[in-house]
Amino acid sequence: MGVETIVADLARPPDLARVADRVAADDVGLLVNNAGVNGYGPFHEVDPALLTRVIDVNVVAPTVLTRMAVPGMLARGRGAVVNVASLLAFAGDLPPGPLPYRAVYGGTKGYVVTFTRTLAAEPAGTSVRVQVVCPGLTATEFHLGTGRVPVPGEARVHDDGGMPAADVVTASLAALDAGEVFCVPGLAEPAAAARLADAESALRGGSGVTLAPR
């Protein structure tokens, strides 16, 4: 089996279009949307152009690429999409230190979680699977830059270490085989995901037409 390399900056529409055309081809059976940039920093200080880049890479690109891949998978009766989010999607209003300043990054990963979990219900009953992976701190160079430019030098790992990237992949593939839509590689208590679904169900109870008493 050969390897085809496509060099692209997914924040650039022409590059995204090239990758989207390739993803739509008949020989694509697995799409992993793993590209991401963080744009960390206090919201009022970060360059708006960098925040736009974060949204383009973390939200627009996986949405477009998934849209291009899924129709062919459905037509062929097989395939899978894995979208990589982050546990920072659930960090909410926890203050920075040790967590980063992350308002836009966390928001984009929250989108990936909701988008993927909601989309996964559409091909239910088919052989097409959709999964979101939410790793915690991972042993890569991701935190060594904001995403404006590549991290210089050879591949390095930030000082805080983290889970080996290979273990994140192993967890995702095992969960995919098990039919799990929501994968947290380091979560030892699977019931936590069920409690999240229960909490969401309770919140949806607030959609009534009568103002709740306070």
N, C-alpha and C. Protein backbone atom coordinates (compact mmCIF):
# COMPACT_ATOMS: atom_id res chain seq x y z
N MET A 1 0.85 -1.20 0.00
CA MET A 1 0.00 0.00 0.00
C MET A 1 0.88 1.24 0.00
N GLY A 2 0.61 2.18 -0.88
CA GLY A 2 1.39 3.39 -0.97
C GLY A 2 0.91 4.46 -0.02
N VAL A 3 1.74 5.47 0.15
CA VAL A 3 1.41 6.62 0.99
C VAL A 3 1.40 7.86 0.12
N GLU A 4 0.34 8.61 0.20
CA GLU A 4 0.23 9.87 -0.54
C GLU A 4 0.26 11.02 0.44
N THR A 5 1.16 11.94 0.24
CA THR A 5 1.30 13.09 1.13
C THR A 5 0.77 14.34 0.43
N ILE A 6 -0.11 15.05 1.12
CA ILE A 6 -0.63 16.32 0.61
C ILE A 6 -0.26 17.40 1.62
N VAL A 7 0.55 18.34 1.24
CA VAL A 7 0.93 19.44 2.12
C VAL A 7 -0.11 20.54 1.98
N ALA A 8 -0.71 20.93 3.10
CA ALA A 8 -1.79 21.91 3.04
C ALA A 8 -1.89 22.66 4.35
N ASP A 9 -2.29 23.90 4.26
CA ASP A 9 -2.63 24.72 5.42
C ASP A 9 -4.14 24.83 5.43
N LEU A 10 -4.78 24.15 6.35
CA LEU A 10 -6.24 24.05 6.34
C LEU A 10 -6.93 25.37 6.69
N ALA A 11 -6.16 26.37 7.08
CA ALA A 11 -6.75 27.70 7.31
C ALA A 11 -6.88 28.47 6.01
N ARG A 12 -6.29 27.96 4.93
CA ARG A 12 -6.34 28.63 3.63
C ARG A 12 -7.40 27.94 2.77
N PRO A 13 -8.43 28.67 2.33
CA PRO A 13 -9.50 28.05 1.55
C PRO A 13 -9.03 27.24 0.34
N PRO A 14 -8.04 27.70 -0.45
CA PRO A 14 -7.62 26.87 -1.58
C PRO A 14 -7.03 25.53 -1.13
N ASP A 15 -6.27 25.54 -0.05
CA ASP A 15 -5.69 24.30 0.46
C ASP A 15 -6.77 23.38 1.00
N LEU A 16 -7.71 23.95 1.73
CA LEU A 16 -8.82 23.14 2.26
C LEU A 16 -9.60 22.52 1.13
N ALA A 17 -9.81 23.25 0.05
CA ALA A 17 -10.56 22.72 -1.10
C ALA A 17 -9.82 21.55 -1.72
N ARG A 18 -8.48 21.64 -1.82
CA ARG A 18 -7.71 20.53 -2.39
C ARG A 18 -7.84 19.27 -1.54
N VAL A 19 -7.74 19.44 -0.23
CA VAL A 19 -7.86 18.28 0.66
C VAL A 19 -9.29 17.74 0.63
N ALA A 20 -10.27 18.62 0.57
CA ALA A 20 -11.66 18.18 0.52
C ALA A 20 -11.94 17.34 -0.72
N ASP A 21 -11.38 17.74 -1.84
CA ASP A 21 -11.55 16.96 -3.07
C ASP A 21 -10.95 15.57 -2.91
N ARG A 22 -9.80 15.49 -2.26
CA ARG A 22 -9.16 14.18 -2.08
C ARG A 22 -9.95 13.30 -1.11
N VAL A 23 -10.46 13.91 -0.05
CA VAL A 23 -11.22 13.17 0.96
C VAL A 23 -12.50 12.57 0.37
N ALA A 24 -13.04 13.21 -0.66
CA ALA A 24 -14.28 12.74 -1.27
C ALA A 24 -14.08 11.54 -2.19
N ALA A 25 -12.84 11.13 -2.40
CA ALA A 25 -12.55 10.03 -3.33
C ALA A 25 -13.04 8.69 -2.79
N ASP A 26 -13.22 7.74 -3.70
CA ASP A 26 -13.79 6.45 -3.34
C ASP A 26 -12.88 5.59 -2.48
N ASP A 27 -11.59 5.88 -2.45
CA ASP A 27 -10.67 5.03 -1.70
C ASP A 27 -10.45 5.49 -0.26
N VAL A 28 -11.21 6.47 0.20
CA VAL A 28 -11.07 6.97 1.57
C VAL A 28 -12.09 6.28 2.46
N GLY A 29 -11.60 5.42 3.35
CA GLY A 29 -12.49 4.70 4.24
C GLY A 29 -12.43 5.18 5.67
N LEU A 30 -11.42 5.97 6.00
CA LEU A 30 -11.27 6.50 7.36
C LEU A 30 -10.75 7.92 7.28
N LEU A 31 -11.48 8.83 7.88
CA LEU A 31 -11.06 10.23 7.97
C LEU A 31 -10.79 10.55 9.43
N VAL A 32 -9.58 11.02 9.73
CA VAL A 32 -9.23 11.46 11.08
C VAL A 32 -8.94 12.95 11.02
N ASN A 33 -9.81 13.73 11.62
CA ASN A 33 -9.62 15.18 11.68
C ASN A 33 -8.83 15.51 12.95
N ASN A 34 -7.51 15.55 12.79
CA ASN A 34 -6.62 15.74 13.93
C ASN A 34 -5.91 17.09 13.90
N ALA A 35 -5.94 17.78 12.77
CA ALA A 35 -5.26 19.08 12.69
C ALA A 35 -5.88 20.05 13.69
N GLY A 36 -5.04 20.83 14.34
CA GLY A 36 -5.58 21.80 15.29
C GLY A 36 -4.51 22.80 15.70
N VAL A 37 -4.95 23.99 16.06
CA VAL A 37 -4.07 25.03 16.62
C VAL A 37 -4.78 25.59 17.84
N ASN A 38 -4.00 26.16 18.77
CA ASN A 38 -4.62 26.54 20.05
C ASN A 38 -4.91 28.02 20.23
N GLY A 39 -4.06 28.91 19.71
CA GLY A 39 -4.32 30.33 19.90
C GLY A 39 -4.40 30.76 21.34
N TYR A 40 -3.67 30.07 22.22
CA TYR A 40 -3.75 30.37 23.65
C TYR A 40 -3.34 31.82 23.95
N GLY A 41 -3.98 32.36 24.95
CA GLY A 41 -3.65 33.70 25.42
C GLY A 41 -4.89 34.40 25.92
N PRO A 42 -4.74 35.43 26.75
CA PRO A 42 -5.91 36.19 27.20
C PRO A 42 -6.70 36.70 26.00
N PHE A 43 -7.99 36.50 26.02
CA PHE A 43 -8.82 36.81 24.86
C PHE A 43 -8.65 38.24 24.38
N HIS A 44 -8.52 39.18 25.31
CA HIS A 44 -8.44 40.59 24.93
C HIS A 44 -7.08 40.96 24.37
N GLU A 45 -6.12 40.04 24.41
CA GLU A 45 -4.78 40.33 23.92
C GLU A 45 -4.42 39.57 22.65
N VAL A 46 -5.09 38.45 22.37
CA VAL A 46 -4.71 37.62 21.24
C VAL A 46 -5.08 38.31 19.93
N ASP A 47 -4.19 38.23 18.95
CA ASP A 47 -4.42 38.80 17.62
C ASP A 47 -5.70 38.20 17.02
N PRO A 48 -6.65 39.03 16.61
CA PRO A 48 -7.88 38.51 16.00
C PRO A 48 -7.62 37.59 14.81
N ALA A 49 -6.55 37.85 14.06
CA ALA A 49 -6.23 37.00 12.92
C ALA A 49 -5.87 35.59 13.37
N LEU A 50 -5.20 35.47 14.53
CA LEU A 50 -4.87 34.15 15.05
C LEU A 50 -6.14 33.43 15.52
N LEU A 51 -7.05 34.15 16.14
CA LEU A 51 -8.30 33.53 16.58
C LEU A 51 -9.11 33.05 15.38
N THR A 52 -9.09 33.81 14.31
CA THR A 52 -9.77 33.38 13.08
C THR A 52 -9.14 32.09 12.56
N ARG A 53 -7.82 32.02 12.64
CA ARG A 53 -7.12 30.81 12.20
C ARG A 53 -7.52 29.60 13.06
N VAL A 54 -7.65 29.81 14.35
CA VAL A 54 -8.07 28.72 15.24
C VAL A 54 -9.45 28.20 14.82
N ILE A 55 -10.36 29.10 14.54
CA ILE A 55 -11.71 28.69 14.13
C ILE A 55 -11.68 27.99 12.78
N ASP A 56 -10.88 28.51 11.85
CA ASP A 56 -10.80 27.91 10.52
C ASP A 56 -10.28 26.48 10.58
N VAL A 57 -9.21 26.27 11.36
CA VAL A 57 -8.60 24.94 11.42
C VAL A 57 -9.39 23.99 12.30
N ASN A 58 -9.88 24.47 13.43
CA ASN A 58 -10.53 23.59 14.41
C ASN A 58 -12.01 23.35 14.15
N VAL A 59 -12.67 24.27 13.45
CA VAL A 59 -14.12 24.16 13.23
C VAL A 59 -14.46 24.00 11.75
N VAL A 60 -14.03 24.95 10.94
CA VAL A 60 -14.41 24.94 9.52
C VAL A 60 -13.84 23.71 8.82
N ALA A 61 -12.55 23.44 9.01
CA ALA A 61 -11.91 22.34 8.29
C ALA A 61 -12.54 20.98 8.61
N PRO A 62 -12.70 20.60 9.88
CA PRO A 62 -13.30 19.28 10.13
C PRO A 62 -14.74 19.18 9.65
N THR A 63 -15.46 20.30 9.69
CA THR A 63 -16.84 20.28 9.20
C THR A 63 -16.87 20.02 7.70
N VAL A 64 -16.05 20.76 6.97
CA VAL A 64 -16.02 20.62 5.51
C VAL A 64 -15.53 19.23 5.11
N LEU A 65 -14.45 18.77 5.73
CA LEU A 65 -13.88 17.48 5.35
C LEU A 65 -14.82 16.33 5.69
N THR A 66 -15.49 16.42 6.83
CA THR A 66 -16.47 15.39 7.18
C THR A 66 -17.61 15.38 6.18
N ARG A 67 -18.06 16.56 5.80
CA ARG A 67 -19.16 16.65 4.82
C ARG A 67 -18.75 16.04 3.48
N MET A 68 -17.51 16.19 3.09
CA MET A 68 -17.07 15.63 1.83
C MET A 68 -16.87 14.12 1.90
N ALA A 69 -16.52 13.60 3.07
CA ALA A 69 -16.23 12.17 3.20
C ALA A 69 -17.47 11.31 3.41
N VAL A 70 -18.42 11.80 4.19
CA VAL A 70 -19.54 10.95 4.62
C VAL A 70 -20.43 10.47 3.48
N PRO A 71 -20.79 11.29 2.49
CA PRO A 71 -21.67 10.78 1.43
C PRO A 71 -21.11 9.54 0.72
N GLY A 72 -19.83 9.56 0.41
CA GLY A 72 -19.23 8.40 -0.24
C GLY A 72 -19.21 7.19 0.67
N MET A 73 -18.95 7.40 1.95
CA MET A 73 -18.97 6.29 2.90
C MET A 73 -20.36 5.67 2.99
N LEU A 74 -21.37 6.51 3.03
CA LEU A 74 -22.74 5.99 3.08
C LEU A 74 -23.08 5.22 1.80
N ALA A 75 -22.65 5.75 0.67
CA ALA A 75 -22.94 5.08 -0.60
C ALA A 75 -22.24 3.72 -0.68
N ARG A 76 -21.03 3.63 -0.11
CA ARG A 76 -20.28 2.37 -0.14
C ARG A 76 -20.66 1.43 0.98
N GLY A 77 -21.40 1.97 1.97
CA GLY A 77 -21.86 1.14 3.08
C GLY A 77 -20.80 0.85 4.12
N ARG A 78 -19.77 1.68 4.20
CA ARG A 78 -18.73 1.47 5.20
C ARG A 78 -17.89 2.74 5.32
N GLY A 79 -17.21 2.85 6.45
CA GLY A 79 -16.33 3.99 6.65
C GLY A 79 -16.45 4.54 8.07
N ALA A 80 -15.53 5.42 8.41
CA ALA A 80 -15.54 6.01 9.75
C ALA A 80 -14.90 7.39 9.72
N VAL A 81 -15.40 8.25 10.59
CA VAL A 81 -14.83 9.58 10.80
C VAL A 81 -14.48 9.70 12.27
N VAL A 82 -13.25 10.08 12.55
CA VAL A 82 -12.80 10.32 13.91
C VAL A 82 -12.39 11.79 14.02
N ASN A 83 -13.06 12.51 14.88
CA ASN A 83 -12.75 13.92 15.11
C ASN A 83 -12.06 14.06 16.46
N VAL A 84 -10.92 14.71 16.48
CA VAL A 84 -10.15 14.86 17.71
C VAL A 84 -10.51 16.19 18.37
N ALA A 85 -11.06 16.12 19.56
CA ALA A 85 -11.40 17.31 20.33
C ALA A 85 -10.39 17.43 21.48
N SER A 86 -10.86 17.70 22.68
CA SER A 86 -9.97 17.88 23.82
C SER A 86 -10.81 17.91 25.09
N LEU A 87 -10.22 17.47 26.19
CA LEU A 87 -10.93 17.59 27.46
C LEU A 87 -11.08 19.05 27.88
N LEU A 88 -10.34 19.96 27.23
CA LEU A 88 -10.55 21.37 27.52
C LEU A 88 -11.92 21.84 27.05
N ALA A 89 -12.60 21.05 26.24
CA ALA A 89 -13.97 21.37 25.86
C ALA A 89 -14.89 21.37 27.07
N PHE A 90 -14.46 20.70 28.15
CA PHE A 90 -15.29 20.58 29.35
C PHE A 90 -14.70 21.37 30.52
N ALA A 91 -13.72 22.24 30.24
CA ALA A 91 -13.05 22.97 31.32
C ALA A 91 -13.85 24.17 31.80
N GLY A 92 -14.81 24.61 30.98
CA GLY A 92 -15.70 25.70 31.39
C GLY A 92 -14.96 26.91 31.91
N ASP A 93 -15.40 27.40 33.08
CA ASP A 93 -14.84 28.64 33.61
C ASP A 93 -13.69 28.41 34.59
N LEU A 94 -13.07 27.21 34.55
CA LEU A 94 -11.90 27.01 35.41
C LEU A 94 -10.84 28.02 35.04
N PRO A 95 -10.23 28.67 36.02
CA PRO A 95 -9.29 29.75 35.72
C PRO A 95 -7.97 29.22 35.17
N PRO A 96 -7.24 30.06 34.43
CA PRO A 96 -5.91 29.67 33.95
C PRO A 96 -4.97 29.40 35.12
N GLY A 97 -4.01 28.52 34.91
CA GLY A 97 -3.03 28.16 35.92
C GLY A 97 -3.50 27.00 36.78
N PRO A 98 -3.24 25.77 36.41
CA PRO A 98 -2.31 25.39 35.34
C PRO A 98 -2.94 25.32 33.94
N LEU A 99 -4.26 25.44 33.83
CA LEU A 99 -4.87 25.41 32.50
C LEU A 99 -4.49 26.68 31.74
N PRO A 100 -4.44 26.60 30.41
CA PRO A 100 -4.08 27.79 29.62
C PRO A 100 -5.25 28.75 29.47
N TYR A 101 -4.95 29.97 29.02
CA TYR A 101 -6.00 30.88 28.54
C TYR A 101 -6.53 30.28 27.23
N ARG A 102 -7.82 30.00 27.14
CA ARG A 102 -8.27 29.09 26.09
C ARG A 102 -9.69 29.36 25.61
N ALA A 103 -10.21 30.56 25.76
CA ALA A 103 -11.64 30.80 25.48
C ALA A 103 -12.04 30.33 24.09
N VAL A 104 -11.29 30.71 23.08
CA VAL A 104 -11.66 30.33 21.71
C VAL A 104 -11.32 28.87 21.44
N TYR A 105 -10.16 28.41 21.88
CA TYR A 105 -9.79 27.01 21.67
C TYR A 105 -10.82 26.08 22.33
N GLY A 106 -11.16 26.35 23.59
CA GLY A 106 -12.15 25.53 24.27
C GLY A 106 -13.49 25.56 23.56
N GLY A 107 -13.86 26.74 23.05
CA GLY A 107 -15.11 26.85 22.31
C GLY A 107 -15.11 26.03 21.04
N THR A 108 -13.98 26.03 20.32
CA THR A 108 -13.91 25.24 19.09
C THR A 108 -13.99 23.75 19.39
N LYS A 109 -13.36 23.31 20.46
CA LYS A 109 -13.39 21.89 20.79
C LYS A 109 -14.77 21.49 21.33
N GLY A 110 -15.45 22.44 21.99
CA GLY A 110 -16.84 22.18 22.37
C GLY A 110 -17.71 21.96 21.14
N TYR A 111 -17.45 22.73 20.09
CA TYR A 111 -18.17 22.53 18.82
C TYR A 111 -17.90 21.14 18.27
N VAL A 112 -16.64 20.72 18.27
CA VAL A 112 -16.29 19.41 17.71
C VAL A 112 -17.02 18.30 18.47
N VAL A 113 -17.09 18.43 19.79
CA VAL A 113 -17.79 17.41 20.59
C VAL A 113 -19.27 17.36 20.22
N THR A 114 -19.93 18.51 20.21
CA THR A 114 -21.37 18.55 19.93
C THR A 114 -21.66 18.15 18.48
N PHE A 115 -20.88 18.67 17.56
CA PHE A 115 -21.05 18.33 16.14
C PHE A 115 -20.95 16.82 15.93
N THR A 116 -19.92 16.22 16.49
CA THR A 116 -19.69 14.80 16.25
C THR A 116 -20.74 13.93 16.91
N ARG A 117 -21.05 14.22 18.16
CA ARG A 117 -22.05 13.40 18.86
C ARG A 117 -23.41 13.51 18.19
N THR A 118 -23.74 14.70 17.71
CA THR A 118 -25.03 14.88 17.04
C THR A 118 -25.04 14.20 15.69
N LEU A 119 -23.95 14.37 14.94
CA LEU A 119 -23.85 13.74 13.62
C LEU A 119 -23.91 12.22 13.71
N ALA A 120 -23.33 11.67 14.76
CA ALA A 120 -23.24 10.21 14.89
C ALA A 120 -24.61 9.54 14.88
N ALA A 121 -25.65 10.27 15.26
CA ALA A 121 -26.99 9.69 15.28
C ALA A 121 -27.56 9.52 13.87
N GLU A 122 -27.05 10.27 12.90
CA GLU A 122 -27.61 10.21 11.56
C GLU A 122 -27.33 8.90 10.84
N PRO A 123 -26.10 8.39 10.85
CA PRO A 123 -25.86 7.11 10.16
C PRO A 123 -26.08 5.89 11.06
N ALA A 124 -26.71 6.08 12.22
CA ALA A 124 -26.97 4.95 13.11
C ALA A 124 -27.74 3.86 12.34
N GLY A 125 -27.33 2.63 12.53
CA GLY A 125 -27.95 1.53 11.81
C GLY A 125 -27.25 1.19 10.51
N THR A 126 -26.26 1.99 10.14
CA THR A 126 -25.44 1.71 8.96
C THR A 126 -24.06 1.24 9.44
N SER A 127 -23.18 0.98 8.50
CA SER A 127 -21.82 0.58 8.84
C SER A 127 -20.86 1.77 8.86
N VAL A 128 -21.41 2.98 8.82
CA VAL A 128 -20.59 4.19 8.90
C VAL A 128 -20.58 4.66 10.35
N ARG A 129 -19.40 4.83 10.90
CA ARG A 129 -19.27 5.22 12.31
C ARG A 129 -18.65 6.61 12.43
N VAL A 130 -19.07 7.33 13.44
CA VAL A 130 -18.56 8.68 13.71
C VAL A 130 -18.18 8.74 15.17
N GLN A 131 -16.97 9.23 15.45
CA GLN A 131 -16.48 9.23 16.83
C GLN A 131 -15.77 10.54 17.13
N VAL A 132 -15.88 10.99 18.38
CA VAL A 132 -15.08 12.11 18.86
C VAL A 132 -14.16 11.60 19.96
N VAL A 133 -12.88 11.97 19.85
CA VAL A 133 -11.88 11.61 20.84
C VAL A 133 -11.51 12.85 21.64
N CYS A 134 -11.52 12.74 22.95
CA CYS A 134 -11.20 13.87 23.82
C CYS A 134 -10.01 13.53 24.71
N PRO A 135 -8.81 13.66 24.19
CA PRO A 135 -7.64 13.39 25.03
C PRO A 135 -7.38 14.52 26.00
N GLY A 136 -6.69 14.20 27.07
CA GLY A 136 -6.17 15.23 27.96
C GLY A 136 -4.80 15.66 27.45
N LEU A 137 -3.93 16.02 28.35
CA LEU A 137 -2.59 16.43 27.98
C LEU A 137 -1.89 15.29 27.24
N THR A 138 -1.39 15.58 26.05
CA THR A 138 -0.78 14.56 25.21
C THR A 138 0.68 14.94 24.93
N ALA A 139 1.53 13.93 24.86
CA ALA A 139 2.97 14.15 24.73
C ALA A 139 3.35 14.51 23.30
N THR A 140 3.06 15.73 22.92
CA THR A 140 3.44 16.28 21.62
C THR A 140 3.96 17.69 21.83
N GLU A 141 4.29 18.36 20.74
CA GLU A 141 4.77 19.75 20.83
C GLU A 141 3.64 20.77 20.79
N PHE A 142 2.38 20.31 20.87
CA PHE A 142 1.23 21.18 20.65
C PHE A 142 1.26 22.44 21.52
N HIS A 143 1.64 22.30 22.78
CA HIS A 143 1.60 23.43 23.71
C HIS A 143 2.85 24.32 23.63
N LEU A 144 3.76 23.99 22.73
CA LEU A 144 4.97 24.81 22.62
C LEU A 144 4.79 26.02 21.72
N GLY A 145 3.63 26.16 21.10
CA GLY A 145 3.35 27.31 20.25
C GLY A 145 1.86 27.58 20.25
N THR A 146 1.47 28.69 19.67
CA THR A 146 0.05 29.07 19.63
C THR A 146 -0.64 28.61 18.35
N GLY A 147 0.16 28.28 17.33
CA GLY A 147 -0.42 27.88 16.05
C GLY A 147 -0.24 28.91 14.96
N ARG A 148 0.39 30.02 15.29
CA ARG A 148 0.64 31.03 14.26
C ARG A 148 1.67 30.52 13.26
N VAL A 149 2.72 29.87 13.78
CA VAL A 149 3.75 29.28 12.93
C VAL A 149 4.09 27.91 13.51
N PRO A 150 4.66 27.00 12.70
CA PRO A 150 5.05 25.69 13.23
C PRO A 150 6.08 25.82 14.34
N VAL A 151 6.09 24.85 15.25
CA VAL A 151 7.12 24.81 16.29
C VAL A 151 8.45 24.48 15.64
N PRO A 152 9.48 25.31 15.83
CA PRO A 152 10.75 25.08 15.13
C PRO A 152 11.52 23.89 15.67
N GLY A 153 12.40 23.37 14.86
CA GLY A 153 13.27 22.29 15.28
C GLY A 153 12.64 20.92 15.13
N GLU A 154 13.30 19.93 15.67
CA GLU A 154 12.81 18.57 15.61
C GLU A 154 11.61 18.40 16.54
N ALA A 155 10.91 17.28 16.35
CA ALA A 155 9.74 17.01 17.19
C ALA A 155 10.15 17.00 18.66
N ARG A 156 9.42 17.75 19.46
CA ARG A 156 9.71 17.84 20.88
C ARG A 156 8.42 17.70 21.68
N VAL A 157 8.56 17.45 22.95
CA VAL A 157 7.42 17.31 23.85
C VAL A 157 7.52 18.40 24.91
N HIS A 158 6.39 19.02 25.24
CA HIS A 158 6.41 20.07 26.26
C HIS A 158 6.78 19.48 27.62
N ASP A 159 7.19 20.34 28.51
CA ASP A 159 7.79 19.90 29.77
C ASP A 159 6.85 19.08 30.64
N ASP A 160 5.55 19.27 30.54
CA ASP A 160 4.60 18.57 31.40
C ASP A 160 4.31 17.15 30.93
N GLY A 161 4.93 16.74 29.81
CA GLY A 161 4.74 15.37 29.35
C GLY A 161 3.34 15.14 28.81
N GLY A 162 2.66 14.12 29.33
CA GLY A 162 1.32 13.79 28.87
C GLY A 162 1.25 12.37 28.37
N MET A 163 0.06 11.94 27.94
CA MET A 163 -0.13 10.60 27.43
C MET A 163 0.55 10.45 26.07
N PRO A 164 1.25 9.35 25.84
CA PRO A 164 1.85 9.13 24.52
C PRO A 164 0.79 9.16 23.42
N ALA A 165 1.12 9.79 22.31
CA ALA A 165 0.15 9.91 21.22
C ALA A 165 -0.31 8.54 20.73
N ALA A 166 0.60 7.55 20.74
CA ALA A 166 0.22 6.21 20.29
C ALA A 166 -0.87 5.61 21.17
N ASP A 167 -0.85 5.93 22.46
CA ASP A 167 -1.89 5.41 23.35
C ASP A 167 -3.24 6.06 23.06
N VAL A 168 -3.22 7.33 22.69
CA VAL A 168 -4.47 8.00 22.30
C VAL A 168 -5.06 7.30 21.08
N VAL A 169 -4.21 6.98 20.11
CA VAL A 169 -4.67 6.28 18.90
C VAL A 169 -5.22 4.90 19.25
N THR A 170 -4.53 4.18 20.11
CA THR A 170 -4.98 2.85 20.51
C THR A 170 -6.35 2.91 21.16
N ALA A 171 -6.55 3.87 22.05
CA ALA A 171 -7.84 4.01 22.72
C ALA A 171 -8.94 4.34 21.73
N SER A 172 -8.65 5.23 20.79
CA SER A 172 -9.65 5.63 19.80
C SER A 172 -10.07 4.44 18.94
N LEU A 173 -9.10 3.67 18.46
CA LEU A 173 -9.43 2.54 17.58
C LEU A 173 -10.19 1.46 18.34
N ALA A 174 -9.82 1.24 19.60
CA ALA A 174 -10.55 0.25 20.40
C ALA A 174 -11.99 0.70 20.63
N ALA A 175 -12.17 1.99 20.92
CA ALA A 175 -13.52 2.52 21.11
C ALA A 175 -14.32 2.47 19.82
N LEU A 176 -13.65 2.72 18.70
CA LEU A 176 -14.32 2.67 17.40
C LEU A 176 -14.82 1.25 17.14
N ASP A 177 -13.99 0.25 17.42
CA ASP A 177 -14.41 -1.14 17.24
C ASP A 177 -15.58 -1.49 18.14
N ALA A 178 -15.64 -0.86 19.32
CA ALA A 178 -16.71 -1.14 20.27
C ALA A 178 -17.97 -0.33 19.99
N GLY A 179 -17.93 0.54 18.98
CA GLY A 179 -19.09 1.34 18.64
C GLY A 179 -19.31 2.53 19.54
N GLU A 180 -18.25 2.98 20.23
CA GLU A 180 -18.38 4.12 21.14
C GLU A 180 -18.23 5.43 20.37
N VAL A 181 -19.18 6.32 20.53
CA VAL A 181 -19.14 7.63 19.86
C VAL A 181 -18.21 8.58 20.59
N PHE A 182 -18.11 8.46 21.89
CA PHE A 182 -17.42 9.41 22.74
C PHE A 182 -16.28 8.69 23.43
N CYS A 183 -15.04 9.06 23.13
CA CYS A 183 -13.87 8.37 23.68
C CYS A 183 -12.99 9.34 24.45
N VAL A 184 -12.74 9.03 25.72
CA VAL A 184 -11.78 9.76 26.54
C VAL A 184 -10.68 8.77 26.91
N PRO A 185 -9.52 8.83 26.26
CA PRO A 185 -8.50 7.79 26.42
C PRO A 185 -8.06 7.53 27.85
N GLY A 186 -8.05 8.55 28.70
CA GLY A 186 -7.57 8.37 30.06
C GLY A 186 -8.66 8.18 31.10
N LEU A 187 -9.91 8.03 30.66
CA LEU A 187 -11.03 7.94 31.60
C LEU A 187 -11.20 6.51 32.07
N ALA A 188 -10.99 6.27 33.37
CA ALA A 188 -11.10 4.92 33.91
C ALA A 188 -12.54 4.58 34.30
N GLU A 189 -13.43 5.57 34.31
CA GLU A 189 -14.82 5.34 34.72
C GLU A 189 -15.76 5.68 33.57
N PRO A 190 -16.09 4.69 32.72
CA PRO A 190 -16.96 4.97 31.56
C PRO A 190 -18.32 5.55 31.96
N ALA A 191 -18.77 5.28 33.18
CA ALA A 191 -20.08 5.79 33.61
C ALA A 191 -20.13 7.31 33.64
N ALA A 192 -18.96 7.95 33.68
CA ALA A 192 -18.94 9.42 33.68
C ALA A 192 -19.57 9.97 32.42
N ALA A 193 -19.35 9.31 31.29
CA ALA A 193 -19.95 9.76 30.04
C ALA A 193 -21.47 9.60 30.09
N ALA A 194 -21.94 8.54 30.72
CA ALA A 194 -23.39 8.35 30.85
C ALA A 194 -23.99 9.42 31.74
N ARG A 195 -23.27 9.82 32.79
CA ARG A 195 -23.78 10.88 33.66
C ARG A 195 -23.85 12.21 32.91
N LEU A 196 -22.91 12.44 32.00
CA LEU A 196 -22.97 13.65 31.18
C LEU A 196 -24.24 13.65 30.34
N ALA A 197 -24.56 12.51 29.73
CA ALA A 197 -25.78 12.42 28.93
C ALA A 197 -27.01 12.64 29.79
N ASP A 198 -27.00 12.12 31.01
CA ASP A 198 -28.13 12.33 31.92
C ASP A 198 -28.28 13.80 32.28
N ALA A 199 -27.15 14.47 32.53
CA ALA A 199 -27.20 15.90 32.87
C ALA A 199 -27.73 16.71 31.69
N GLU A 200 -27.33 16.35 30.47
CA GLU A 200 -27.83 17.04 29.29
C GLU A 200 -29.34 16.83 29.15
N SER A 201 -29.79 15.63 29.42
CA SER A 201 -31.23 15.36 29.35
C SER A 201 -32.00 16.22 30.34
N ALA A 202 -31.45 16.37 31.54
CA ALA A 202 -32.10 17.21 32.54
C ALA A 202 -32.15 18.67 32.10
N LEU A 203 -31.06 19.15 31.49
CA LEU A 203 -31.05 20.53 31.01
C LEU A 203 -32.07 20.75 29.90
N ARG A 204 -32.25 19.75 29.05
CA ARG A 204 -33.24 19.89 27.98
C ARG A 204 -34.65 19.97 28.52
N GLY A 205 -34.82 19.60 29.78
CA GLY A 205 -36.13 19.75 30.42
C GLY A 205 -36.53 21.19 30.58
N GLY A 206 -35.59 22.10 30.37
CA GLY A 206 -35.89 23.52 30.49
C GLY A 206 -36.44 24.15 29.24
N SER A 207 -36.86 23.33 28.26
CA SER A 207 -37.35 23.89 27.00
C SER A 207 -38.85 24.17 27.03
N GLY A 208 -39.47 24.15 28.18
CA GLY A 208 -40.90 24.41 28.27
C GLY A 208 -41.26 25.85 27.96
N VAL A 209 -42.53 26.13 27.85
CA VAL A 209 -43.01 27.46 27.51
C VAL A 209 -43.28 28.32 28.74
N THR A 210 -43.14 27.73 29.92
CA THR A 210 -43.42 28.44 31.17
C THR A 210 -42.12 28.83 31.85
N LEU A 211 -42.03 30.10 32.25
CA LEU A 211 -40.83 30.57 32.94
C LEU A 211 -40.66 29.82 34.25
N ALA A 212 -39.47 29.29 34.47
CA ALA A 212 -39.21 28.56 35.71
C ALA A 212 -39.11 29.52 36.89
N PRO A 213 -39.62 29.13 38.03
CA PRO A 213 -39.49 29.98 39.23
C PRO A 213 -38.03 30.04 39.68
N ARG A 214 -37.65 31.17 40.23
CA ARG A 214 -36.29 31.32 40.74
C ARG A 214 -36.33 31.80 42.19
